PDB file of N, CA and C in Angstrom:
ATOM      1  N   UNK A   1       0.765  -1.469  -0.078  1.00  0.00           N
ATOM      2  CA  UNK A   1      -0.171  -0.451  -0.157  1.00  0.00           C
ATOM      3  C   UNK A   1       0.952   1.154  -0.612  1.00  0.00           C
ATOM      4  N   UNK A   2       0.144   2.301  -0.426  1.00  0.00           N
ATOM      5  CA  UNK A   2       0.754   3.529  -0.393  1.00  0.00           C
ATOM      6  C   UNK A   2       1.442   4.272   0.133  1.00  0.00           C
ATOM      7  N   UNK A   3       2.208   4.271   1.340  1.00  0.00           N
ATOM      8  CA  UNK A   3       2.516   5.283   2.592  1.00  0.00           C
ATOM      9  C   UNK A   3       1.591   6.252   2.611  1.00  0.00           C
ATOM     10  N   UNK A   4       1.438   7.090   2.955  1.00  0.00           N
ATOM     11  CA  UNK A   4       0.676   8.975   3.348  1.00  0.00           C
ATOM     12  C   UNK A   4      -0.826   8.181   2.503  1.00  0.00           C
ATOM     13  N   UNK A   5      -0.450   7.715   1.956  1.00  0.00           N
ATOM     14  CA  UNK A   5      -2.495   7.873   1.085  1.00  0.00           C
ATOM     15  C   UNK A   5      -3.559   7.087   1.712  1.00  0.00           C
ATOM     16  N   UNK A   6      -4.150   7.970   1.860  1.00  0.00           N
ATOM     17  CA  UNK A   6      -5.586   7.625   2.372  1.00  0.00           C
ATOM     18  C   UNK A   6      -6.231   6.134   1.729  1.00  0.00           C
ATOM     19  N   UNK A   7      -6.534   5.474   2.156  1.00  0.00           N
ATOM     20  CA  UNK A   7      -7.138   4.084   2.038  1.00  0.00           C
ATOM     21  C   UNK A   7      -8.010   4.339   1.928  1.00  0.00           C
ATOM     22  N   UNK A   8      -8.947   5.208   1.543  1.00  0.00           N
ATOM     23  CA  UNK A   8      -9.931   4.928  -0.073  1.00  0.00           C
ATOM     24  C   UNK A   8      -9.623   5.930  -1.684  1.00  0.00           C
ATOM     25  N   UNK A   9      -8.106   6.703  -1.078  1.00  0.00           N
ATOM     26  CA  UNK A   9      -7.824   6.751  -2.550  1.00  0.00           C
ATOM     27  C   UNK A   9      -7.184   5.488  -2.549  1.00  0.00           C
ATOM     28  N   UNK A  10      -6.515   4.485  -2.006  1.00  0.00           N
ATOM     29  CA  UNK A  10      -5.787   3.555  -3.010  1.00  0.00           C
ATOM     30  C   UNK A  10      -6.777   2.822  -3.235  1.00  0.00           C
ATOM     31  N   UNK A  11      -8.066   2.237  -2.532  1.00  0.00           N
ATOM     32  CA  UNK A  11      -9.152   1.785  -3.132  1.00  0.00           C
ATOM     33  C   UNK A  11      -9.372   2.009  -4.216  1.00  0.00           C
ATOM     34  N   UNK A  12      -9.603   3.453  -4.385  1.00  0.00           N
ATOM     35  CA  UNK A  12     -10.312   3.693  -6.024  1.00  0.00           C
ATOM     36  C   UNK A  12      -9.556   3.702  -7.379  1.00  0.00           C
ATOM     37  N   UNK A  13      -8.268   3.643  -6.719  1.00  0.00           N
ATOM     38  CA  UNK A  13      -7.042   3.028  -7.961  1.00  0.00           C
ATOM     39  C   UNK A  13      -7.153   1.465  -7.589  1.00  0.00           C
ATOM     40  N   UNK A  14      -7.100   0.780  -6.826  1.00  0.00           N
ATOM     41  CA  UNK A  14      -7.896  -0.291  -7.301  1.00  0.00           C
ATOM     42  C   UNK A  14      -8.894  -0.779  -8.499  1.00  0.00           C
ATOM     43  N   UNK A  15     -10.223   0.039  -8.031  1.00  0.00           N
ATOM     44  CA  UNK A  15     -10.736  -0.095  -9.139  1.00  0.00           C
ATOM     45  C   UNK A  15     -10.557  -0.160 -10.061  1.00  0.00           C
ATOM     46  N   UNK A  16      -9.641   1.675 -10.443  1.00  0.00           N
ATOM     47  CA  UNK A  16      -9.652   2.189 -11.750  1.00  0.00           C
ATOM     48  C   UNK A  16      -8.869   1.173 -12.733  1.00  0.00           C
ATOM     49  N   UNK A  17      -8.368  -0.026 -12.010  1.00  0.00           N
ATOM     50  CA  UNK A  17      -7.262  -1.166 -12.325  1.00  0.00           C
ATOM     51  C   UNK A  17      -8.552  -2.135 -13.205  1.00  0.00           C
ATOM     52  N   UNK A  18      -9.743  -2.004 -12.469  1.00  0.00           N
ATOM     53  CA  UNK A  18     -11.151  -3.567 -12.559  1.00  0.00           C
ATOM     54  C   UNK A  18     -11.766  -2.487 -13.886  1.00  0.00           C
ATOM     55  N   UNK A  19     -11.823  -1.171 -13.886  1.00  0.00           N
ATOM     56  CA  UNK A  19     -12.357  -0.325 -14.674  1.00  0.00           C
ATOM     57  C   UNK A  19     -12.917  -0.512 -16.150  1.00  0.00           C
ATOM     58  N   UNK A  20     -12.720  -2.465 -16.721  1.00  0.00           N
ATOM     59  CA  UNK A  20     -12.149  -2.318 -17.846  1.00  0.00           C
ATOM     60  C   UNK A  20     -12.837  -3.747 -18.371  1.00  0.00           C
ATOM     61  N   UNK A  21     -14.087  -3.576 -18.832  1.00  0.00           N
ATOM     62  CA  UNK A  21     -14.498  -5.312 -19.030  1.00  0.00           C
ATOM     63  C   UNK A  21     -13.702  -6.465 -19.717  1.00  0.00           C
ATOM     64  N   UNK A  22     -12.696  -6.058 -20.245  1.00  0.00           N
ATOM     65  CA  UNK A  22     -11.887  -7.034 -21.077  1.00  0.00           C
ATOM     66  C   UNK A  22     -10.906  -7.513 -19.569  1.00  0.00           C
ATOM     67  N   UNK A  23     -10.283  -6.201 -18.460  1.00  0.00           N
ATOM     68  CA  UNK A  23      -9.802  -7.074 -17.203  1.00  0.00           C
ATOM     69  C   UNK A  23     -10.510  -7.758 -16.753  1.00  0.00           C
ATOM     70  N   UNK A  24     -12.143  -6.914 -16.310  1.00  0.00           N
ATOM     71  CA  UNK A  24     -12.775  -7.947 -15.713  1.00  0.00           C
ATOM     72  C   UNK A  24     -12.947  -9.293 -16.294  1.00  0.00           C
ATOM     73  N   UNK A  25     -13.307  -9.783 -17.454  1.00  0.00           N
ATOM     74  CA  UNK A  25     -13.363 -11.062 -18.238  1.00  0.00           C
ATOM     75  C   UNK A  25     -12.039 -11.711 -17.821  1.00  0.00           C
ATOM     76  N   UNK A  26     -10.304 -10.915 -18.053  1.00  0.00           N
ATOM     77  CA  UNK A  26      -9.437 -12.095 -17.652  1.00  0.00           C
ATOM     78  C   UNK A  26      -9.033 -12.518 -16.423  1.00  0.00           C
ATOM     79  N   UNK A  27     -10.586 -12.130 -15.243  1.00  0.00           N
ATOM     80  CA  UNK A  27      -9.841 -12.290 -13.676  1.00  0.00           C
ATOM     81  C   UNK A  27     -10.276 -12.940 -13.573  1.00  0.00           C
ATOM     82  N   UNK A  28     -12.275 -12.718 -14.549  1.00  0.00           N
ATOM     83  CA  UNK A  28     -13.189 -14.373 -14.391  1.00  0.00           C
ATOM     84  C   UNK A  28     -12.682 -15.245 -14.972  1.00  0.00           C
ATOM     85  N   UNK A  29     -11.937 -15.415 -15.482  1.00  0.00           N
ATOM     86  CA  UNK A  29     -11.440 -17.024 -16.060  1.00  0.00           C
ATOM     87  C   UNK A  29     -10.043 -17.376 -15.830  1.00  0.00           C
ATOM     88  N   UNK A  30      -9.949 -16.198 -15.174  1.00  0.00           N
ATOM     89  CA  UNK A  30      -8.416 -16.813 -14.100  1.00  0.00           C
ATOM     90  C   UNK A  30      -9.130 -17.507 -12.948  1.00  0.00           C
ATOM     91  N   UNK A  31     -10.061 -16.826 -12.388  1.00  0.00           N
ATOM     92  CA  UNK A  31     -11.150 -17.326 -11.212  1.00  0.00           C
ATOM     93  C   UNK A  31     -11.124 -18.491 -11.607  1.00  0.00           C
ATOM     94  N   UNK A  32     -11.719 -18.955 -12.529  1.00  0.00           N
ATOM     95  CA  UNK A  32     -12.457 -20.155 -13.013  1.00  0.00           C
ATOM     96  C   UNK A  32     -11.370 -21.304 -13.307  1.00  0.00           C
ATOM     97  N   UNK A  33     -10.324 -21.020 -13.856  1.00  0.00           N
ATOM     98  CA  UNK A  33      -9.573 -21.798 -14.630  1.00  0.00           C
ATOM     99  C   UNK A  33      -8.579 -21.856 -13.877  1.00  0.00           C
ATOM    100  N   UNK A  34      -8.225 -21.043 -12.938  1.00  0.00           N
ATOM    101  CA  UNK A  34      -6.808 -20.874 -12.471  1.00  0.00           C
ATOM    102  C   UNK A  34      -5.856 -20.650 -13.008  1.00  0.00           C
ATOM    103  N   UNK A  35      -5.355 -20.821 -13.661  1.00  0.00           N
ATOM    104  CA  UNK A  35      -4.375 -20.220 -14.518  1.00  0.00           C
ATOM    105  C   UNK A  35      -4.155 -20.600 -16.137  1.00  0.00           C
ATOM    106  N   UNK A  36      -3.995 -19.909 -16.966  1.00  0.00           N
ATOM    107  CA  UNK A  36      -4.432 -19.956 -18.461  1.00  0.00           C
ATOM    108  C   UNK A  36      -3.105 -19.336 -18.558  1.00  0.00           C
ATOM    109  N   UNK A  37      -2.395 -19.797 -19.513  1.00  0.00           N
ATOM    110  CA  UNK A  37      -1.360 -19.187 -21.269  1.00  0.00           C
ATOM    111  C   UNK A  37      -1.921 -17.971 -21.704  1.00  0.00           C
ATOM    112  N   UNK A  38      -0.814 -17.510 -22.161  1.00  0.00           N
ATOM    113  CA  UNK A  38      -1.109 -15.741 -23.000  1.00  0.00           C
ATOM    114  C   UNK A  38      -2.005 -16.067 -24.429  1.00  0.00           C
ATOM    115  N   UNK A  39      -1.591 -17.616 -24.873  1.00  0.00           N
ATOM    116  CA  UNK A  39      -2.131 -17.985 -25.635  1.00  0.00           C
ATOM    117  C   UNK A  39      -3.585 -18.493 -25.805  1.00  0.00           C
ATOM    118  N   UNK A  40      -3.905 -18.922 -24.596  1.00  0.00           N
ATOM    119  CA  UNK A  40      -5.253 -19.805 -24.045  1.00  0.00           C
ATOM    120  C   UNK A  40      -6.191 -18.528 -23.943  1.00  0.00           C
ATOM    121  N   UNK A  41      -5.938 -17.013 -23.252  1.00  0.00           N
ATOM    122  CA  UNK A  41      -6.646 -16.247 -23.118  1.00  0.00           C
ATOM    123  C   UNK A  41      -6.881 -15.483 -24.378  1.00  0.00           C
ATOM    124  N   UNK A  42      -5.733 -15.705 -25.140  1.00  0.00           N
ATOM    125  CA  UNK A  42      -5.580 -15.105 -26.249  1.00  0.00           C
ATOM    126  C   UNK A  42      -6.906 -15.497 -27.781  1.00  0.00           C
ATOM    127  N   UNK A  43      -6.865 -16.427 -27.187  1.00  0.00           N
ATOM    128  CA  UNK A  43      -8.006 -17.626 -27.427  1.00  0.00           C
ATOM    129  C   UNK A  43      -9.657 -17.469 -26.956  1.00  0.00           C
ATOM    130  N   UNK A  44      -9.749 -16.780 -26.424  1.00  0.00           N
ATOM    131  CA  UNK A  44     -10.729 -17.419 -25.692  1.00  0.00           C
ATOM    132  C   UNK A  44     -11.387 -15.838 -25.506  1.00  0.00           C
ATOM    133  N   UNK A  45     -10.590 -14.422 -25.529  1.00  0.00           N
ATOM    134  CA  UNK A  45     -10.840 -13.421 -25.771  1.00  0.00           C
ATOM    135  C   UNK A  45     -10.964 -12.791 -27.054  1.00  0.00           C
ATOM    136  N   UNK A  46      -9.812 -13.374 -27.862  1.00  0.00           N
ATOM    137  CA  UNK A  46     -10.074 -12.254 -29.671  1.00  0.00           C
ATOM    138  C   UNK A  46     -10.166 -11.611 -29.558  1.00  0.00           C
ATOM    139  N   UNK A  47      -8.560 -10.959 -28.861  1.00  0.00           N
ATOM    140  CA  UNK A  47      -8.117  -9.638 -28.731  1.00  0.00           C
ATOM    141  C   UNK A  47      -6.969 -10.230 -29.160  1.00  0.00           C
ATOM    142  N   UNK A  48      -6.498  -8.243 -30.515  1.00  0.00           N
ATOM    143  CA  UNK A  48      -5.190  -8.627 -30.489  1.00  0.00           C
ATOM    144  C   UNK A  48      -3.598  -8.409 -29.857  1.00  0.00           C
ATOM    145  N   UNK A  49      -2.704  -9.543 -29.812  1.00  0.00           N
ATOM    146  CA  UNK A  49      -2.014  -8.932 -28.651  1.00  0.00           C
ATOM    147  C   UNK A  49      -1.617  -8.442 -27.618  1.00  0.00           C
ATOM    148  N   UNK A  50      -1.481  -7.460 -28.574  1.00  0.00           N
ATOM    149  CA  UNK A  50      -0.860  -5.861 -28.053  1.00  0.00           C
ATOM    150  C   UNK A  50      -1.557  -4.977 -26.632  1.00  0.00           C
ATOM    151  N   UNK A  51      -3.347  -5.849 -27.391  1.00  0.00           N
ATOM    152  CA  UNK A  51      -4.388  -4.700 -26.975  1.00  0.00           C
ATOM    153  C   UNK A  51      -4.621  -6.271 -25.372  1.00  0.00           C
ATOM    154  N   UNK A  52      -4.051  -7.045 -25.755  1.00  0.00           N
ATOM    155  CA  UNK A  52      -4.407  -8.171 -23.779  1.00  0.00           C
ATOM    156  C   UNK A  52      -2.917  -7.833 -23.209  1.00  0.00           C
ATOM    157  N   UNK A  53      -1.716  -7.957 -24.137  1.00  0.00           N
ATOM    158  CA  UNK A  53      -0.423  -7.111 -23.175  1.00  0.00           C
ATOM    159  C   UNK A  53      -0.861  -5.894 -22.532  1.00  0.00           C
ATOM    160  N   UNK A  54      -1.544  -4.906 -22.790  1.00  0.00           N
ATOM    161  CA  UNK A  54      -1.909  -3.420 -22.129  1.00  0.00           C
ATOM    162  C   UNK A  54      -2.819  -3.884 -21.412  1.00  0.00           C
ATOM    163  N   UNK A  55      -3.564  -4.736 -21.377  1.00  0.00           N
ATOM    164  CA  UNK A  55      -4.389  -4.622 -20.669  1.00  0.00           C
ATOM    165  C   UNK A  55      -3.892  -5.714 -18.917  1.00  0.00           C
ATOM    166  N   UNK A  56      -2.624  -6.888 -19.099  1.00  0.00           N
ATOM    167  CA  UNK A  56      -2.045  -7.438 -18.557  1.00  0.00           C
ATOM    168  C   UNK A  56      -1.053  -6.775 -17.791  1.00  0.00           C
ATOM    169  N   UNK A  57      -0.620  -6.147 -18.583  1.00  0.00           N
ATOM    170  CA  UNK A  57       0.159  -5.281 -17.798  1.00  0.00           C
ATOM    171  C   UNK A  57      -0.499  -4.436 -16.691  1.00  0.00           C
ATOM    172  N   UNK A  58      -2.170  -3.568 -16.405  1.00  0.00           N
ATOM    173  CA  UNK A  58      -2.005  -3.542 -16.135  1.00  0.00           C
ATOM    174  C   UNK A  58      -2.598  -4.193 -14.859  1.00  0.00           C
ATOM    175  N   UNK A  59      -3.052  -4.413 -14.684  1.00  0.00           N
ATOM    176  CA  UNK A  59      -3.912  -6.020 -13.462  1.00  0.00           C
ATOM    177  C   UNK A  59      -2.334  -5.915 -13.002  1.00  0.00           C
ATOM    178  N   UNK A  60      -1.398  -6.872 -13.671  1.00  0.00           N
ATOM    179  CA  UNK A  60      -0.189  -6.907 -12.779  1.00  0.00           C
ATOM    180  C   UNK A  60       0.628  -5.942 -12.365  1.00  0.00           C
ATOM    181  N   UNK A  61       0.040  -4.696 -12.784  1.00  0.00           N
ATOM    182  CA  UNK A  61       0.519  -3.336 -12.047  1.00  0.00           C
ATOM    183  C   UNK A  61      -0.363  -2.727 -10.871  1.00  0.00           C
ATOM    184  N   UNK A  62      -1.424  -3.657 -11.274  1.00  0.00           N
ATOM    185  CA  UNK A  62      -2.425  -3.697  -9.113  1.00  0.00           C
ATOM    186  C   UNK A  62      -2.464  -4.654  -8.539  1.00  0.00           C
ATOM    187  N   UNK A  63      -0.935  -5.508  -8.901  1.00  0.00           N
ATOM    188  CA  UNK A  63      -1.134  -7.174  -8.347  1.00  0.00           C
ATOM    189  C   UNK A  63      -2.166  -7.812  -8.146  1.00  0.00           C
ATOM    190  N   UNK A  64      -3.266  -7.783  -9.269  1.00  0.00           N
ATOM    191  CA  UNK A  64      -4.084  -8.397  -9.213  1.00  0.00           C
ATOM    192  C   UNK A  64      -3.956  -9.969  -9.686  1.00  0.00           C
ATOM    193  N   UNK A  65      -2.562 -10.354 -10.686  1.00  0.00           N
ATOM    194  CA  UNK A  65      -2.431 -11.830 -11.694  1.00  0.00           C
ATOM    195  C   UNK A  65      -1.378 -11.788 -11.153  1.00  0.00           C
ATOM    196  N   UNK A  66      -0.611 -12.572 -11.049  1.00  0.00           N
ATOM    197  CA  UNK A  66       1.292 -13.075 -11.602  1.00  0.00           C
ATOM    198  C   UNK A  66       0.890 -13.679 -12.795  1.00  0.00           C
ATOM    199  N   UNK A  67       2.251 -13.615 -13.240  1.00  0.00           N
ATOM    200  CA  UNK A  67       2.580 -14.420 -14.564  1.00  0.00           C
ATOM    201  C   UNK A  67       3.772 -15.689 -14.368  1.00  0.00           C
ATOM    202  N   UNK A  68       3.784 -16.183 -14.970  1.00  0.00           N
ATOM    203  CA  UNK A  68       5.262 -17.595 -15.242  1.00  0.00           C
ATOM    204  C   UNK A  68       5.518 -17.663 -16.194  1.00  0.00           C
ATOM    205  N   UNK A  69       7.129 -17.203 -16.857  1.00  0.00           N
ATOM    206  CA  UNK A  69       7.020 -17.981 -17.989  1.00  0.00           C
ATOM    207  C   UNK A  69       7.586 -19.413 -17.794  1.00  0.00           C
ATOM    208  N   UNK A  70       7.266 -19.816 -18.772  1.00  0.00           N
ATOM    209  CA  UNK A  70       7.425 -21.572 -19.019  1.00  0.00           C
ATOM    210  C   UNK A  70       7.997 -21.624 -20.432  1.00  0.00           C
ATOM    211  N   UNK A  71       8.928 -21.726 -20.656  1.00  0.00           N
ATOM    212  CA  UNK A  71      10.125 -22.425 -21.916  1.00  0.00           C
ATOM    213  C   UNK A  71       9.432 -20.449 -22.628  1.00  0.00           C
ATOM    214  N   UNK A  72       8.665 -20.893 -24.145  1.00  0.00           N
ATOM    215  CA  UNK A  72       8.285 -19.158 -25.003  1.00  0.00           C
ATOM    216  C   UNK A  72       6.897 -19.447 -24.385  1.00  0.00           C
ATOM    217  N   UNK A  73       6.342 -19.572 -22.958  1.00  0.00           N
ATOM    218  CA  UNK A  73       5.101 -19.501 -23.472  1.00  0.00           C
ATOM    219  C   UNK A  73       5.432 -18.904 -21.608  1.00  0.00           C
ATOM    220  N   UNK A  74       4.353 -17.618 -21.039  1.00  0.00           N
ATOM    221  CA  UNK A  74       3.781 -16.872 -20.465  1.00  0.00           C
ATOM    222  C   UNK A  74       2.770 -17.909 -20.105  1.00  0.00           C
ATOM    223  N   UNK A  75       2.409 -17.455 -18.391  1.00  0.00           N
ATOM    224  CA  UNK A  75       1.231 -18.204 -17.684  1.00  0.00           C
ATOM    225  C   UNK A  75       0.763 -17.166 -16.356  1.00  0.00           C
ATOM    226  N   UNK A  76      -0.819 -16.970 -16.976  1.00  0.00           N
ATOM    227  CA  UNK A  76      -0.999 -15.985 -15.526  1.00  0.00           C
ATOM    228  C   UNK A  76      -1.855 -16.832 -14.841  1.00  0.00           C
ATOM    229  N   UNK A  77      -1.827 -15.865 -13.878  1.00  0.00           N
ATOM    230  CA  UNK A  77      -3.220 -16.510 -12.401  1.00  0.00           C
ATOM    231  C   UNK A  77      -3.614 -15.835 -11.797  1.00  0.00           C
ATOM    232  N   UNK A  78      -4.658 -16.018 -10.951  1.00  0.00           N
ATOM    233  CA  UNK A  78      -4.955 -14.295  -9.954  1.00  0.00           C
ATOM    234  C   UNK A  78      -3.562 -14.585  -9.139  1.00  0.00           C
ATOM    235  N   UNK A  79      -3.241 -13.412  -8.412  1.00  0.00           N
ATOM    236  CA  UNK A  79      -1.921 -13.230  -7.462  1.00  0.00           C
ATOM    237  C   UNK A  79      -2.999 -13.379  -5.938  1.00  0.00           C
ATOM    238  N   UNK A  80      -4.272 -13.089  -5.727  1.00  0.00           N
ATOM    239  CA  UNK A  80      -4.396 -13.420  -4.951  1.00  0.00           C
ATOM    240  C   UNK A  80      -5.580 -14.260  -4.897  1.00  0.00           C
ATOM    241  N   UNK A  81      -6.121 -14.834  -4.053  1.00  0.00           N
ATOM    242  CA  UNK A  81      -7.796 -15.255  -3.944  1.00  0.00           C
ATOM    243  C   UNK A  81      -8.534 -14.917  -3.774  1.00  0.00           C
ATOM    244  N   UNK A  82      -8.112 -13.556  -3.533  1.00  0.00           N
ATOM    245  CA  UNK A  82      -9.663 -13.001  -2.639  1.00  0.00           C
ATOM    246  C   UNK A  82      -9.877 -11.924  -4.040  1.00  0.00           C
ATOM    247  N   UNK A  83      -8.912 -12.033  -5.037  1.00  0.00           N
ATOM    248  CA  UNK A  83      -9.649 -11.493  -5.971  1.00  0.00           C
ATOM    249  C   UNK A  83     -11.271 -12.145  -6.448  1.00  0.00           C
ATOM    250  N   UNK A  84     -10.622 -13.364  -6.454  1.00  0.00           N
ATOM    251  CA  UNK A  84     -11.905 -14.424  -7.370  1.00  0.00           C
ATOM    252  C   UNK A  84     -13.214 -13.811  -6.061  1.00  0.00           C
ATOM    253  N   UNK A  85     -12.913 -14.090  -4.824  1.00  0.00           N
ATOM    254  CA  UNK A  85     -14.029 -13.409  -4.188  1.00  0.00           C
ATOM    255  C   UNK A  85     -14.902 -12.217  -4.595  1.00  0.00           C
ATOM    256  N   UNK A  86     -13.187 -11.189  -3.983  1.00  0.00           N
ATOM    257  CA  UNK A  86     -13.596  -9.884  -4.708  1.00  0.00           C
ATOM    258  C   UNK A  86     -15.549  -9.768  -6.185  1.00  0.00           C
ATOM    259  N   UNK A  87     -14.698 -10.771  -7.318  1.00  0.00           N
ATOM    260  CA  UNK A  87     -15.493 -11.185  -8.743  1.00  0.00           C
ATOM    261  C   UNK A  87     -17.463 -11.148  -8.205  1.00  0.00           C
ATOM    262  N   UNK A  88     -17.211 -12.597  -7.432  1.00  0.00           N
ATOM    263  CA  UNK A  88     -18.120 -13.602  -6.297  1.00  0.00           C
ATOM    264  C   UNK A  88     -19.045 -11.920  -6.106  1.00  0.00           C
ATOM    265  N   UNK A  89     -18.522 -11.338  -4.824  1.00  0.00           N
ATOM    266  CA  UNK A  89     -19.778 -10.350  -4.181  1.00  0.00           C
ATOM    267  C   UNK A  89     -19.537  -9.191  -5.364  1.00  0.00           C
ATOM    268  N   UNK A  90     -18.611  -9.046  -6.310  1.00  0.00           N
ATOM    269  CA  UNK A  90     -19.417  -8.422  -7.437  1.00  0.00           C
ATOM    270  C   UNK A  90     -20.442  -8.998  -7.863  1.00  0.00           C
ATOM    271  N   UNK A  91     -20.858 -10.144  -8.103  1.00  0.00           N
ATOM    272  CA  UNK A  91     -22.047 -10.689  -9.033  1.00  0.00           C
ATOM    273  C   UNK A  91     -23.074 -10.512  -7.928  1.00  0.00           C
ATOM    274  N   UNK A  92     -22.962 -11.173  -6.780  1.00  0.00           N
ATOM    275  CA  UNK A  92     -23.799 -10.392  -5.975  1.00  0.00           C
ATOM    276  C   UNK A  92     -24.686  -9.337  -5.262  1.00  0.00           C
ATOM    277  N   UNK A  93     -23.664  -8.597  -5.616  1.00  0.00           N
ATOM    278  CA  UNK A  93     -24.153  -6.720  -5.662  1.00  0.00           C
ATOM    279  C   UNK A  93     -25.223  -6.905  -6.803  1.00  0.00           C
ATOM    280  N   UNK A  94     -24.274  -7.442  -8.099  1.00  0.00           N
ATOM    281  CA  UNK A  94     -25.505  -6.771  -9.610  1.00  0.00           C
ATOM    282  C   UNK A  94     -26.612  -7.652  -9.163  1.00  0.00           C
ATOM    283  N   UNK A  95     -26.335  -8.882  -8.842  1.00  0.00           N
ATOM    284  CA  UNK A  95     -28.309  -9.876  -8.834  1.00  0.00           C
ATOM    285  C   UNK A  95     -28.992  -8.915  -8.391  1.00  0.00           C
ATOM    286  N   UNK A  96     -28.746  -9.073  -7.000  1.00  0.00           N
ATOM    287  CA  UNK A  96     -29.026  -7.788  -5.858  1.00  0.00           C
ATOM    288  C   UNK A  96     -30.145  -6.266  -6.305  1.00  0.00           C
ATOM    289  N   UNK A  97     -29.084  -5.935  -7.154  1.00  0.00           N
ATOM    290  CA  UNK A  97     -29.371  -4.344  -7.694  1.00  0.00           C
ATOM    291  C   UNK A  97     -30.275  -4.616  -8.859  1.00  0.00           C
ATOM    292  N   UNK A  98     -30.625  -5.890  -9.552  1.00  0.00           N
ATOM    293  CA  UNK A  98     -31.049  -5.645 -10.976  1.00  0.00           C
ATOM    294  C   UNK A  98     -32.626  -6.348 -10.048  1.00  0.00           C
ATOM    295  N   UNK A  99     -32.129  -7.191  -9.576  1.00  0.00           N
ATOM    296  CA  UNK A  99     -33.826  -8.027  -8.760  1.00  0.00           C
ATOM    297  C   UNK A  99     -34.500  -6.330  -8.154  1.00  0.00           C
ATOM    298  N   UNK A 100     -33.665  -5.459  -7.478  1.00  0.00           N
ATOM    299  CA  UNK A 100     -34.326  -4.011  -6.799  1.00  0.00           C
ATOM    300  C   UNK A 100     -34.802  -3.566  -7.804  1.00  0.00           C
ATOM    301  N   UNK A 101     -34.788  -3.393  -8.898  1.00  0.00           N
ATOM    302  CA  UNK A 101     -34.796  -2.138 -10.055  1.00  0.00           C
ATOM    303  C   UNK A 101     -35.602  -3.047 -10.338  1.00  0.00           C
ATOM    304  N   UNK A 102     -36.284  -4.351 -10.943  1.00  0.00           N
ATOM    305  CA  UNK A 102     -36.702  -5.404 -11.608  1.00  0.00           C
ATOM    306  C   UNK A 102     -38.496  -5.080 -10.799  1.00  0.00           C
ATOM    307  N   UNK A 103     -38.130  -5.072  -9.995  1.00  0.00           N
ATOM    308  CA  UNK A 103     -39.317  -4.956  -8.686  1.00  0.00           C
ATOM    309  C   UNK A 103     -39.673  -3.997  -8.256  1.00  0.00           C
ATOM    310  N   UNK A 104     -38.864  -2.746  -8.248  1.00  0.00           N
ATOM    311  CA  UNK A 104     -39.168  -1.197  -8.374  1.00  0.00           C
ATOM    312  C   UNK A 104     -40.374  -1.077 -10.326  1.00  0.00           C
ATOM    313  N   UNK A 105     -39.866  -1.670 -10.895  1.00  0.00           N
ATOM    314  CA  UNK A 105     -40.007  -1.091 -12.312  1.00  0.00           C
ATOM    315  C   UNK A 105     -41.521  -2.008 -12.677  1.00  0.00           C
ATOM    316  N   UNK A 106     -41.766  -3.297 -12.118  1.00  0.00           N
ATOM    317  CA  UNK A 106     -42.803  -3.722 -11.530  1.00  0.00           C
ATOM    318  C   UNK A 106     -44.112  -3.228 -10.996  1.00  0.00           C
ATOM    319  N   UNK A 107     -43.465  -2.735 -10.076  1.00  0.00           N
ATOM    320  CA  UNK A 107     -44.283  -1.848  -8.838  1.00  0.00           C
ATOM    321  C   UNK A 107     -44.794  -0.457  -9.498  1.00  0.00           C
ATOM    322  N   UNK A 108     -44.340  -0.230 -10.707  1.00  0.00           N
ATOM    323  CA  UNK A 108     -44.343   1.266 -11.020  1.00  0.00           C
ATOM    324  C   UNK A 108     -45.309   1.099 -12.031  1.00  0.00           C
ATOM    325  N   UNK A 109     -45.301  -0.070 -12.444  1.00  0.00           N
ATOM    326  CA  UNK A 109     -46.032  -0.323 -13.621  1.00  0.00           C
ATOM    327  C   UNK A 109     -47.635  -0.586 -13.041  1.00  0.00           C
ATOM    328  N   UNK A 110     -47.857  -0.602 -12.171  1.00  0.00           N
ATOM    329  CA  UNK A 110     -49.540  -0.931 -11.748  1.00  0.00           C
ATOM    330  C   UNK A 110     -50.225  -0.115 -11.418  1.00  0.00           C
TER     331      UNK A 110
END
């Protein structure tokens, strides 16, 4: 953590690292499968290698993923199990928000 910075600022920076659909999808894939090579991620995401590289660099910079070179391949995994927990919590929160909005819309239509 950055010394001298308020925790809320550090948290906001973390969420900036998550603030792209591709990065969230990468994290979801790694959470589900444990570890994937760059080639596997490219095949799954259908991205240009340079675009994936940029997203992986951001995720590494925020400490969300870890990488390991094996021969000519690079493999990625979540750096912390808690990243998967964060994604699961976001799914629960989104499901609750969607359900509340649906109930509100249905009540308003009566």
